[in-house]
């Protein structure tokens, strides 16, 4: 599919960016990866760096001149770089805006100057906010709560604007709770990465809230496949669409499954106060992605977690 394509991946050393980079290289693309290493890890690119078709540059999406230089002769940009944490965006709204809005504007302007064929942007279900309508669909009113959600909404709007005004082929994908191998287990990461780390440290997982809040967890391989479909799509020009599994699960049920499947004994769920900016229920309607990209989720949270668990156990054994 991507043989002969020259691709730029921003945030290439991150969780999603590195998984996407590996798949692009496996399909024959020449990939330039950039990352400022704020969240990225070079270990995520261990496989990519063995491939002669991959080149990495430590740089920042806020550096427009560097982007303009690196985007020469690029066919497709996958813009995965972002200030990714909702809690941190509340503490540092200016930095979140600088990276997620100004950085995205730099990507668009450099792509316009360099006549890039396609830009795929990593947006987020956080743009919907905590509106009661379920499932979340692309035509509904958006009401982001956190500075992170607001910044993603603004970046989406720029993507659509640059399609309408300049004719750029842009597509924004609203990810719903992505999880899988290489996701960092910091306090600002996804809940599955945090919980799996705590479980194997024999620490009780902590739910912020009563556990009834629900999420639509999407496995990394489905997100990568959605990006690859969007990258080659003409029908998706100027579009914004959900990328989800389409099957919500409560945090209580998820955590019980994780404890049971891990095989670690003696753990119980603890509860803490709900955090500012957190959304109670999130569930994505994926009909638009099905119609435009022929996207369907091949993993649900259970099958995705099983694969992630096997990966995690392998990593643990390698460290012993």
C-alpha atoms as a PDB file:
ATOM      1  CA  UNK A   1       0.000   0.000   0.000  1.00  0.00           C
ATOM      2  CA  UNK A   2       2.710   2.485   0.958  1.00  0.00           C
ATOM      3  CA  UNK A   3       5.589   1.221  -1.170  1.00  0.00           C
ATOM      4  CA  UNK A   4       7.393   4.171  -2.734  1.00  0.00           C
ATOM      5  CA  UNK A   5       5.659   6.751  -0.523  1.00  0.00           C
ATOM      6  CA  UNK A   6       7.714   9.314   1.358  1.00  0.00           C
ATOM      7  CA  UNK A   7       6.119   9.864   4.743  1.00  0.00           C
ATOM      8  CA  UNK A   8       6.702  12.188   7.688  1.00  0.00           C
ATOM      9  CA  UNK A   9       5.520  11.029  11.116  1.00  0.00           C
ATOM     10  CA  UNK A  10       5.471  13.597  13.902  1.00  0.00           C
ATOM     11  CA  UNK A  11       5.693  12.218  17.416  1.00  0.00           C
ATOM     12  CA  UNK A  12       7.427   9.202  15.907  1.00  0.00           C
ATOM     13  CA  UNK A  13       9.030   8.062  19.166  1.00  0.00           C
ATOM     14  CA  UNK A  14       5.730   8.095  21.003  1.00  0.00           C
ATOM     15  CA  UNK A  15       3.206   5.350  21.631  1.00  0.00           C
ATOM     16  CA  UNK A  16       1.040   5.743  18.521  1.00  0.00           C
ATOM     17  CA  UNK A  17       3.700   7.309  16.309  1.00  0.00           C
ATOM     18  CA  UNK A  18       6.192   4.471  16.757  1.00  0.00           C
ATOM     19  CA  UNK A  19       3.615   1.758  16.095  1.00  0.00           C
ATOM     20  CA  UNK A  20       2.505   3.629  12.980  1.00  0.00           C
ATOM     21  CA  UNK A  21       6.126   4.097  11.858  1.00  0.00           C
ATOM     22  CA  UNK A  22       6.838   0.366  12.115  1.00  0.00           C
ATOM     23  CA  UNK A  23       3.804  -0.510  10.015  1.00  0.00           C
ATOM     24  CA  UNK A  24       4.604   2.109   7.362  1.00  0.00           C
ATOM     25  CA  UNK A  25       8.142   0.745   7.042  1.00  0.00           C
ATOM     26  CA  UNK A  26       6.822  -2.822   6.789  1.00  0.00           C
ATOM     27  CA  UNK A  27       4.696  -1.685   3.840  1.00  0.00           C
ATOM     28  CA  UNK A  28       7.671  -0.209   1.986  1.00  0.00           C
ATOM     29  CA  UNK A  29       7.403   3.474   2.831  1.00  0.00           C
ATOM     30  CA  UNK A  30      10.370   5.758   3.347  1.00  0.00           C
ATOM     31  CA  UNK A  31       9.759   7.393   6.714  1.00  0.00           C
ATOM     32  CA  UNK A  32      11.145  10.512   8.324  1.00  0.00           C
ATOM     33  CA  UNK A  33      10.300  10.532  12.023  1.00  0.00           C
ATOM     34  CA  UNK A  34      10.475  13.583  14.251  1.00  0.00           C
ATOM     35  CA  UNK A  35       9.994  13.918  17.997  1.00  0.00           C
ATOM     36  CA  UNK A  36      11.084  16.418  20.651  1.00  0.00           C
ATOM     37  CA  UNK A  37      11.437  13.511  23.135  1.00  0.00           C
ATOM     38  CA  UNK A  38       9.222  15.156  25.776  1.00  0.00           C
ATOM     39  CA  UNK A  39       7.144  11.974  25.891  1.00  0.00           C
ATOM     40  CA  UNK A  40       8.881   9.915  23.222  1.00  0.00           C
ATOM     41  CA  UNK A  41      11.355   7.116  23.912  1.00  0.00           C
ATOM     42  CA  UNK A  42      14.084   5.999  21.528  1.00  0.00           C
ATOM     43  CA  UNK A  43      13.457   2.422  22.615  1.00  0.00           C
ATOM     44  CA  UNK A  44      10.126   2.635  20.793  1.00  0.00           C
ATOM     45  CA  UNK A  45      12.076   3.077  17.545  1.00  0.00           C
ATOM     46  CA  UNK A  46      14.493   0.178  18.036  1.00  0.00           C
ATOM     47  CA  UNK A  47      12.953  -1.776  15.149  1.00  0.00           C
ATOM     48  CA  UNK A  48      12.573   1.258  12.896  1.00  0.00           C
ATOM     49  CA  UNK A  49      16.208   2.259  13.319  1.00  0.00           C
ATOM     50  CA  UNK A  50      17.299  -1.065  11.839  1.00  0.00           C
ATOM     51  CA  UNK A  51      15.489  -0.145   8.621  1.00  0.00           C
ATOM     52  CA  UNK A  52      17.516   1.825   6.025  1.00  0.00           C
ATOM     53  CA  UNK A  53      14.314   3.575   4.926  1.00  0.00           C
ATOM     54  CA  UNK A  54      13.917   5.320   8.290  1.00  0.00           C
ATOM     55  CA  UNK A  55      15.543   8.580   9.391  1.00  0.00           C
ATOM     56  CA  UNK A  56      14.960  10.227  12.754  1.00  0.00           C
ATOM     57  CA  UNK A  57      15.371  13.877  13.719  1.00  0.00           C
ATOM     58  CA  UNK A  58      15.015  15.276  17.206  1.00  0.00           C
ATOM     59  CA  UNK A  59      12.965  18.384  16.570  1.00  0.00           C
ATOM     60  CA  UNK A  60       9.778  20.109  17.634  1.00  0.00           C
ATOM     61  CA  UNK A  61       6.591  20.866  15.680  1.00  0.00           C
ATOM     62  CA  UNK A  62       6.901  24.435  16.970  1.00  0.00           C
ATOM     63  CA  UNK A  63      10.062  24.856  14.863  1.00  0.00           C
ATOM     64  CA  UNK A  64       8.542  25.954  11.556  1.00  0.00           C
ATOM     65  CA  UNK A  65      11.802  26.384   9.640  1.00  0.00           C
ATOM     66  CA  UNK A  66      12.870  22.850  10.523  1.00  0.00           C
ATOM     67  CA  UNK A  67       9.506  21.473   9.452  1.00  0.00           C
ATOM     68  CA  UNK A  68       9.717  23.304   6.147  1.00  0.00           C
ATOM     69  CA  UNK A  69      13.148  21.772   5.511  1.00  0.00           C
ATOM     70  CA  UNK A  70      12.118  18.230   6.461  1.00  0.00           C
ATOM     71  CA  UNK A  71       8.885  18.306   4.483  1.00  0.00           C
ATOM     72  CA  UNK A  72      10.650  18.663   1.123  1.00  0.00           C
ATOM     73  CA  UNK A  73       9.481  15.868  -1.236  1.00  0.00           C
ATOM     74  CA  UNK A  74       7.153  14.377   1.426  1.00  0.00           C
ATOM     75  CA  UNK A  75       3.949  12.777   0.132  1.00  0.00           C
ATOM     76  CA  UNK A  76       2.011  12.164   3.355  1.00  0.00           C
ATOM     77  CA  UNK A  77       2.219  13.584   6.882  1.00  0.00           C
ATOM     78  CA  UNK A  78       0.856  11.719   9.893  1.00  0.00           C
ATOM     79  CA  UNK A  79       0.656  14.330  12.632  1.00  0.00           C
ATOM     80  CA  UNK A  80       0.742  12.361  15.881  1.00  0.00           C
ATOM     81  CA  UNK A  81       2.866  14.764  17.963  1.00  0.00           C
ATOM     82  CA  UNK A  82       0.909  16.373  20.763  1.00  0.00           C
ATOM     83  CA  UNK A  83       0.747  17.597  24.309  1.00  0.00           C
ATOM     84  CA  UNK A  84      -1.276  14.551  25.304  1.00  0.00           C
ATOM     85  CA  UNK A  85      -2.383  14.862  28.930  1.00  0.00           C
ATOM     86  CA  UNK A  86      -5.725  16.287  30.061  1.00  0.00           C
ATOM     87  CA  UNK A  87      -4.568  16.817  33.691  1.00  0.00           C
ATOM     88  CA  UNK A  88      -1.318  18.444  32.552  1.00  0.00           C
ATOM     89  CA  UNK A  89      -3.220  20.698  30.130  1.00  0.00           C
ATOM     90  CA  UNK A  90      -5.124  22.091  33.111  1.00  0.00           C
ATOM     91  CA  UNK A  91      -1.822  22.883  34.822  1.00  0.00           C
ATOM     92  CA  UNK A  92      -0.095  24.178  31.664  1.00  0.00           C
ATOM     93  CA  UNK A  93      -2.731  25.486  29.210  1.00  0.00           C
ATOM     94  CA  UNK A  94      -0.286  27.797  27.402  1.00  0.00           C
ATOM     95  CA  UNK A  95       2.128  24.970  26.625  1.00  0.00           C
ATOM     96  CA  UNK A  96      -0.754  22.742  25.502  1.00  0.00           C
ATOM     97  CA  UNK A  97      -1.953  25.444  23.112  1.00  0.00           C
ATOM     98  CA  UNK A  98       1.546  26.112  21.813  1.00  0.00           C
ATOM     99  CA  UNK A  99       2.163  22.469  20.901  1.00  0.00           C
ATOM    100  CA  UNK A 100      -1.302  21.350  19.844  1.00  0.00           C
ATOM    101  CA  UNK A 101      -2.543  24.460  18.049  1.00  0.00           C
ATOM    102  CA  UNK A 102       0.506  26.467  16.956  1.00  0.00           C
ATOM    103  CA  UNK A 103       2.420  23.258  16.194  1.00  0.00           C
ATOM    104  CA  UNK A 104      -0.434  21.992  14.024  1.00  0.00           C
ATOM    105  CA  UNK A 105      -0.594  25.331  12.214  1.00  0.00           C
ATOM    106  CA  UNK A 106       3.124  24.991  11.465  1.00  0.00           C
ATOM    107  CA  UNK A 107       2.524  21.524  10.010  1.00  0.00           C
ATOM    108  CA  UNK A 108      -0.250  22.861   7.785  1.00  0.00           C
ATOM    109  CA  UNK A 109       1.723  25.853   6.545  1.00  0.00           C
ATOM    110  CA  UNK A 110       4.830  23.798   5.795  1.00  0.00           C
ATOM    111  CA  UNK A 111       2.716  21.164   4.012  1.00  0.00           C
ATOM    112  CA  UNK A 112       1.027  23.864   1.922  1.00  0.00           C
ATOM    113  CA  UNK A 113       4.358  25.341   0.857  1.00  0.00           C
ATOM    114  CA  UNK A 114       5.798  21.900   0.065  1.00  0.00           C
ATOM    115  CA  UNK A 115       2.705  20.627  -1.821  1.00  0.00           C
ATOM    116  CA  UNK A 116       2.219  17.637   0.468  1.00  0.00           C
ATOM    117  CA  UNK A 117      -0.457  15.292  -0.857  1.00  0.00           C
ATOM    118  CA  UNK A 118      -2.094  14.362   2.449  1.00  0.00           C
ATOM    119  CA  UNK A 119      -2.150  15.229   6.168  1.00  0.00           C
ATOM    120  CA  UNK A 120      -3.719  12.901   8.725  1.00  0.00           C
ATOM    121  CA  UNK A 121      -4.211  14.512  12.124  1.00  0.00           C
ATOM    122  CA  UNK A 122      -4.533  12.741  15.470  1.00  0.00           C
ATOM    123  CA  UNK A 123      -7.505  14.343  17.179  1.00  0.00           C
ATOM    124  CA  UNK A 124      -9.344  13.137  20.257  1.00  0.00           C
ATOM    125  CA  UNK A 125     -12.752  12.192  21.611  1.00  0.00           C
ATOM    126  CA  UNK A 126     -12.123  14.890  24.234  1.00  0.00           C
ATOM    127  CA  UNK A 127     -13.559  17.427  21.770  1.00  0.00           C
ATOM    128  CA  UNK A 128     -17.042  16.111  22.615  1.00  0.00           C
ATOM    129  CA  UNK A 129     -16.728  16.980  26.293  1.00  0.00           C
ATOM    130  CA  UNK A 130     -19.243  15.475  28.688  1.00  0.00           C
ATOM    131  CA  UNK A 131     -22.401  15.947  26.636  1.00  0.00           C
ATOM    132  CA  UNK A 132     -25.003  13.292  27.543  1.00  0.00           C
ATOM    133  CA  UNK A 133     -25.626  12.100  23.975  1.00  0.00           C
ATOM    134  CA  UNK A 134     -24.346   8.568  23.342  1.00  0.00           C
ATOM    135  CA  UNK A 135     -22.813   7.361  21.176  1.00  0.00           C
ATOM    136  CA  UNK A 136     -20.768  10.408  20.213  1.00  0.00           C
ATOM    137  CA  UNK A 137     -21.183  11.213  16.513  1.00  0.00           C
ATOM    138  CA  UNK A 138     -19.499  13.739  14.266  1.00  0.00           C
ATOM    139  CA  UNK A 139     -22.555  15.949  13.682  1.00  0.00           C
ATOM    140  CA  UNK A 140     -23.287  16.603  17.351  1.00  0.00           C
ATOM    141  CA  UNK A 141     -22.466  19.769  19.274  1.00  0.00           C
ATOM    142  CA  UNK A 142     -18.906  19.847  20.592  1.00  0.00           C
ATOM    143  CA  UNK A 143     -18.309  21.032  24.142  1.00  0.00           C
ATOM    144  CA  UNK A 144     -14.709  20.300  25.216  1.00  0.00           C
ATOM    145  CA  UNK A 145     -13.997  20.720  28.924  1.00  0.00           C
ATOM    146  CA  UNK A 146     -10.222  20.730  29.271  1.00  0.00           C
ATOM    147  CA  UNK A 147      -7.631  22.957  27.561  1.00  0.00           C
ATOM    148  CA  UNK A 148      -6.453  19.743  25.859  1.00  0.00           C
ATOM    149  CA  UNK A 149      -9.904  19.178  24.347  1.00  0.00           C
ATOM    150  CA  UNK A 150     -10.185  22.823  23.300  1.00  0.00           C
ATOM    151  CA  UNK A 151      -6.767  22.692  21.620  1.00  0.00           C
ATOM    152  CA  UNK A 152      -7.654  19.526  19.690  1.00  0.00           C
ATOM    153  CA  UNK A 153     -10.917  21.157  18.593  1.00  0.00           C
ATOM    154  CA  UNK A 154      -9.040  24.244  17.362  1.00  0.00           C
ATOM    155  CA  UNK A 155      -6.514  22.097  15.484  1.00  0.00           C
ATOM    156  CA  UNK A 156      -9.343  20.157  13.824  1.00  0.00           C
ATOM    157  CA  UNK A 157     -10.895  23.437  12.713  1.00  0.00           C
ATOM    158  CA  UNK A 158      -7.594  24.489  11.158  1.00  0.00           C
ATOM    159  CA  UNK A 159      -7.409  21.153   9.318  1.00  0.00           C
ATOM    160  CA  UNK A 160     -10.864  21.688   7.812  1.00  0.00           C
ATOM    161  CA  UNK A 161     -10.105  25.338   7.042  1.00  0.00           C
ATOM    162  CA  UNK A 162      -6.900  24.534   5.167  1.00  0.00           C
ATOM    163  CA  UNK A 163      -8.790  22.001   3.072  1.00  0.00           C
ATOM    164  CA  UNK A 164     -11.481  24.515   2.180  1.00  0.00           C
ATOM    165  CA  UNK A 165      -9.236  27.518   1.632  1.00  0.00           C
ATOM    166  CA  UNK A 166      -6.037  25.975   0.241  1.00  0.00           C
ATOM    167  CA  UNK A 167      -7.260  22.634  -1.085  1.00  0.00           C
ATOM    168  CA  UNK A 168      -5.081  20.531   1.219  1.00  0.00           C
ATOM    169  CA  UNK A 169      -6.206  16.929   1.588  1.00  0.00           C
ATOM    170  CA  UNK A 170      -6.581  16.824   5.368  1.00  0.00           C
ATOM    171  CA  UNK A 171      -8.299  14.247   7.554  1.00  0.00           C
ATOM    172  CA  UNK A 172      -8.776  14.359  11.317  1.00  0.00           C
ATOM    173  CA  UNK A 173      -9.255  11.151  13.282  1.00  0.00           C
ATOM    174  CA  UNK A 174     -10.871  11.412  16.701  1.00  0.00           C
ATOM    175  CA  UNK A 175      -9.257   8.665  18.758  1.00  0.00           C
ATOM    176  CA  UNK A 176     -11.184   7.069  21.601  1.00  0.00           C
ATOM    177  CA  UNK A 177      -8.976   5.868  24.486  1.00  0.00           C
ATOM    178  CA  UNK A 178      -6.166   4.184  22.588  1.00  0.00           C
ATOM    179  CA  UNK A 179      -4.196   1.477  24.407  1.00  0.00           C
ATOM    180  CA  UNK A 180      -1.574  -1.138  23.673  1.00  0.00           C
ATOM    181  CA  UNK A 181       2.165  -1.856  23.577  1.00  0.00           C
ATOM    182  CA  UNK A 182       4.554   1.070  24.190  1.00  0.00           C
ATOM    183  CA  UNK A 183       2.015   3.187  26.025  1.00  0.00           C
ATOM    184  CA  UNK A 184       3.796   4.889  28.915  1.00  0.00           C
ATOM    185  CA  UNK A 185       2.645   4.063  32.439  1.00  0.00           C
ATOM    186  CA  UNK A 186       3.082   7.561  33.873  1.00  0.00           C
ATOM    187  CA  UNK A 187       0.354   9.226  35.976  1.00  0.00           C
ATOM    188  CA  UNK A 188      -0.739  11.068  32.820  1.00  0.00           C
ATOM    189  CA  UNK A 189      -1.074   8.028  30.576  1.00  0.00           C
ATOM    190  CA  UNK A 190      -4.113   6.001  29.589  1.00  0.00           C
ATOM    191  CA  UNK A 191      -5.817   4.095  32.381  1.00  0.00           C
ATOM    192  CA  UNK A 192      -5.008   0.642  30.990  1.00  0.00           C
ATOM    193  CA  UNK A 193      -1.263   1.381  30.888  1.00  0.00           C
ATOM    194  CA  UNK A 194      -1.392   2.764  34.428  1.00  0.00           C
ATOM    195  CA  UNK A 195      -3.398  -0.170  35.788  1.00  0.00           C
ATOM    196  CA  UNK A 196      -1.327  -2.909  34.154  1.00  0.00           C
ATOM    197  CA  UNK A 197       1.838  -1.380  35.604  1.00  0.00           C
ATOM    198  CA  UNK A 198       0.304  -1.209  39.096  1.00  0.00           C
ATOM    199  CA  UNK A 199      -1.004  -4.775  38.889  1.00  0.00           C
ATOM    200  CA  UNK A 200       2.434  -6.188  38.084  1.00  0.00           C
ATOM    201  CA  UNK A 201       3.938  -4.097  40.868  1.00  0.00           C
ATOM    202  CA  UNK A 202       1.379  -5.799  43.160  1.00  0.00           C
ATOM    203  CA  UNK A 203      -0.320  -2.464  43.839  1.00  0.00           C
ATOM    204  CA  UNK A 204      -4.078  -1.962  43.857  1.00  0.00           C
ATOM    205  CA  UNK A 205      -5.417  -0.105  40.802  1.00  0.00           C
ATOM    206  CA  UNK A 206      -7.105   3.192  41.730  1.00  0.00           C
ATOM    207  CA  UNK A 207     -10.253   4.387  39.959  1.00  0.00           C
ATOM    208  CA  UNK A 208     -10.932   8.122  40.227  1.00  0.00           C
ATOM    209  CA  UNK A 209     -14.699   8.108  40.712  1.00  0.00           C
ATOM    210  CA  UNK A 210     -17.121   5.292  41.491  1.00  0.00           C
ATOM    211  CA  UNK A 211     -16.181   3.076  38.542  1.00  0.00           C
ATOM    212  CA  UNK A 212     -19.446   3.510  36.644  1.00  0.00           C
ATOM    213  CA  UNK A 213     -17.855   5.900  34.147  1.00  0.00           C
ATOM    214  CA  UNK A 214     -17.420   4.238  30.766  1.00  0.00           C
ATOM    215  CA  UNK A 215     -14.906   4.404  27.942  1.00  0.00           C
ATOM    216  CA  UNK A 216     -14.606   3.113  24.389  1.00  0.00           C
ATOM    217  CA  UNK A 217     -11.122   1.578  24.467  1.00  0.00           C
ATOM    218  CA  UNK A 218      -9.494   1.254  21.047  1.00  0.00           C
ATOM    219  CA  UNK A 219      -6.562  -1.073  20.459  1.00  0.00           C
ATOM    220  CA  UNK A 220      -3.450   0.417  18.882  1.00  0.00           C
ATOM    221  CA  UNK A 221      -3.517  -1.872  15.841  1.00  0.00           C
ATOM    222  CA  UNK A 222      -6.976  -0.581  14.900  1.00  0.00           C
ATOM    223  CA  UNK A 223      -5.784   3.019  15.235  1.00  0.00           C
ATOM    224  CA  UNK A 224      -2.737   2.340  13.055  1.00  0.00           C
ATOM    225  CA  UNK A 225      -4.915   0.690  10.413  1.00  0.00           C
ATOM    226  CA  UNK A 226      -7.316   3.645  10.431  1.00  0.00           C
ATOM    227  CA  UNK A 227      -4.395   6.018   9.835  1.00  0.00           C
ATOM    228  CA  UNK A 228      -3.137   3.933   6.928  1.00  0.00           C
ATOM    229  CA  UNK A 229      -6.593   3.907   5.353  1.00  0.00           C
ATOM    230  CA  UNK A 230      -6.971   7.669   5.816  1.00  0.00           C
ATOM    231  CA  UNK A 231      -3.508   8.358   4.412  1.00  0.00           C
ATOM    232  CA  UNK A 232      -4.453   7.007   0.996  1.00  0.00           C
ATOM    233  CA  UNK A 233      -8.066   8.198   0.928  1.00  0.00           C
ATOM    234  CA  UNK A 234      -9.347  10.922  -1.386  1.00  0.00           C
ATOM    235  CA  UNK A 235     -12.907  10.529  -0.077  1.00  0.00           C
ATOM    236  CA  UNK A 236     -11.708  11.555   3.393  1.00  0.00           C
ATOM    237  CA  UNK A 237     -10.446  14.971   2.246  1.00  0.00           C
ATOM    238  CA  UNK A 238     -11.604  17.650   4.669  1.00  0.00           C
ATOM    239  CA  UNK A 239     -13.364  15.116   6.877  1.00  0.00           C
ATOM    240  CA  UNK A 240     -13.341  14.514  10.622  1.00  0.00           C
ATOM    241  CA  UNK A 241     -14.285  11.070  11.923  1.00  0.00           C
ATOM    242  CA  UNK A 242     -14.321   8.886  14.998  1.00  0.00           C
ATOM    243  CA  UNK A 243     -11.901   5.999  15.394  1.00  0.00           C
ATOM    244  CA  UNK A 244     -13.133   3.721  18.160  1.00  0.00           C
ATOM    245  CA  UNK A 245     -13.999   0.141  18.953  1.00  0.00           C
ATOM    246  CA  UNK A 246     -17.667   1.098  19.209  1.00  0.00           C
ATOM    247  CA  UNK A 247     -18.131  -0.925  22.410  1.00  0.00           C
ATOM    248  CA  UNK A 248     -18.065   0.919  25.759  1.00  0.00           C
ATOM    249  CA  UNK A 249     -17.094  -0.692  29.051  1.00  0.00           C
ATOM    250  CA  UNK A 250     -17.225   0.666  32.599  1.00  0.00           C
ATOM    251  CA  UNK A 251     -13.951   1.240  34.422  1.00  0.00           C
ATOM    252  CA  UNK A 252     -15.185  -1.076  37.170  1.00  0.00           C
ATOM    253  CA  UNK A 253     -15.715  -3.970  34.741  1.00  0.00           C
ATOM    254  CA  UNK A 254     -12.471  -3.246  32.904  1.00  0.00           C
ATOM    255  CA  UNK A 255     -10.424  -3.243  36.101  1.00  0.00           C
ATOM    256  CA  UNK A 256     -11.984  -6.486  37.320  1.00  0.00           C
ATOM    257  CA  UNK A 257     -11.113  -8.132  33.988  1.00  0.00           C
ATOM    258  CA  UNK A 258      -7.544  -6.825  34.118  1.00  0.00           C
ATOM    259  CA  UNK A 259      -6.971  -8.147  37.634  1.00  0.00           C
ATOM    260  CA  UNK A 260      -8.459 -11.523  36.751  1.00  0.00           C
ATOM    261  CA  UNK A 261      -6.630 -11.981  33.450  1.00  0.00           C
ATOM    262  CA  UNK A 262      -3.276 -10.858  34.846  1.00  0.00           C
ATOM    263  CA  UNK A 263      -3.176 -13.792  37.245  1.00  0.00           C
ATOM    264  CA  UNK A 264      -1.853 -11.593  40.064  1.00  0.00           C
ATOM    265  CA  UNK A 265      -3.482 -12.504  43.381  1.00  0.00           C
ATOM    266  CA  UNK A 266      -4.429 -10.399  46.375  1.00  0.00           C
ATOM    267  CA  UNK A 267      -5.403  -7.188  44.575  1.00  0.00           C
ATOM    268  CA  UNK A 268      -8.531  -5.097  44.994  1.00  0.00           C
ATOM    269  CA  UNK A 269      -9.846  -1.923  43.441  1.00  0.00           C
ATOM    270  CA  UNK A 270      -9.348   1.344  45.314  1.00  0.00           C
ATOM    271  CA  UNK A 271     -11.310   4.537  44.645  1.00  0.00           C
ATOM    272  CA  UNK A 272     -10.319   8.193  44.673  1.00  0.00           C
ATOM    273  CA  UNK A 273     -12.077  11.515  44.012  1.00  0.00           C
ATOM    274  CA  UNK A 274     -13.019  12.187  40.401  1.00  0.00           C
ATOM    275  CA  UNK A 275     -10.521  14.479  38.660  1.00  0.00           C
ATOM    276  CA  UNK A 276     -11.222  17.860  37.087  1.00  0.00           C
ATOM    277  CA  UNK A 277     -11.623  17.637  33.333  1.00  0.00           C
ATOM    278  CA  UNK A 278     -12.458  13.931  33.337  1.00  0.00           C
ATOM    279  CA  UNK A 279     -15.402  12.824  31.212  1.00  0.00           C
ATOM    280  CA  UNK A 280     -17.962  10.429  32.688  1.00  0.00           C
ATOM    281  CA  UNK A 281     -19.060   8.528  29.581  1.00  0.00           C
ATOM    282  CA  UNK A 282     -17.508   8.234  26.138  1.00  0.00           C
ATOM    283  CA  UNK A 283     -18.640   5.932  23.338  1.00  0.00           C
ATOM    284  CA  UNK A 284     -17.942   6.473  19.643  1.00  0.00           C
ATOM    285  CA  UNK A 285     -20.205   6.002  16.646  1.00  0.00           C
ATOM    286  CA  UNK A 286     -17.914   4.721  13.868  1.00  0.00           C
ATOM    287  CA  UNK A 287     -20.403   4.656  10.969  1.00  0.00           C
ATOM    288  CA  UNK A 288     -18.701   7.553   9.175  1.00  0.00           C
ATOM    289  CA  UNK A 289     -15.295   5.857   9.266  1.00  0.00           C
ATOM    290  CA  UNK A 290     -16.921   2.651   8.047  1.00  0.00           C
ATOM    291  CA  UNK A 291     -18.521   4.463   5.103  1.00  0.00           C
ATOM    292  CA  UNK A 292     -15.542   6.603   4.074  1.00  0.00           C
ATOM    293  CA  UNK A 293     -12.545   4.457   5.043  1.00  0.00           C
ATOM    294  CA  UNK A 294     -14.099   0.971   5.241  1.00  0.00           C
ATOM    295  CA  UNK A 295     -12.784   0.969   8.808  1.00  0.00           C
ATOM    296  CA  UNK A 296     -14.022  -1.539  11.350  1.00  0.00           C
ATOM    297  CA  UNK A 297     -12.465  -2.383  14.693  1.00  0.00           C
ATOM    298  CA  UNK A 298     -10.855  -5.819  14.638  1.00  0.00           C
ATOM    299  CA  UNK A 299     -10.245  -5.787  18.408  1.00  0.00           C
ATOM    300  CA  UNK A 300     -12.525  -5.235  21.369  1.00  0.00           C
ATOM    301  CA  UNK A 301     -11.118  -4.283  24.764  1.00  0.00           C
ATOM    302  CA  UNK A 302     -10.848  -7.913  25.856  1.00  0.00           C
ATOM    303  CA  UNK A 303      -8.943  -9.238  22.833  1.00  0.00           C
ATOM    304  CA  UNK A 304      -6.802  -6.099  22.746  1.00  0.00           C
ATOM    305  CA  UNK A 305      -5.954  -6.410  26.419  1.00  0.00           C
ATOM    306  CA  UNK A 306      -5.022 -10.074  25.999  1.00  0.00           C
ATOM    307  CA  UNK A 307      -2.498  -9.153  23.299  1.00  0.00           C
ATOM    308  CA  UNK A 308      -1.211  -6.216  25.342  1.00  0.00           C
ATOM    309  CA  UNK A 309      -0.906  -8.456  28.420  1.00  0.00           C
ATOM    310  CA  UNK A 310       1.189 -10.986  26.503  1.00  0.00           C
ATOM    311  CA  UNK A 311       3.448  -8.182  25.304  1.00  0.00           C
ATOM    312  CA  UNK A 312       3.765  -6.786  28.821  1.00  0.00           C
ATOM    313  CA  UNK A 313       4.681 -10.162  30.293  1.00  0.00           C
ATOM    314  CA  UNK A 314       7.355 -10.585  27.613  1.00  0.00           C
ATOM    315  CA  UNK A 315       8.860  -7.208  28.521  1.00  0.00           C
ATOM    316  CA  UNK A 316       8.896  -8.164  32.204  1.00  0.00           C
ATOM    317  CA  UNK A 317      10.692 -11.445  31.443  1.00  0.00           C
ATOM    318  CA  UNK A 318      13.291  -9.603  29.346  1.00  0.00           C
ATOM    319  CA  UNK A 319      14.086  -7.325  32.302  1.00  0.00           C
ATOM    320  CA  UNK A 320      14.591 -10.239  34.708  1.00  0.00           C
END
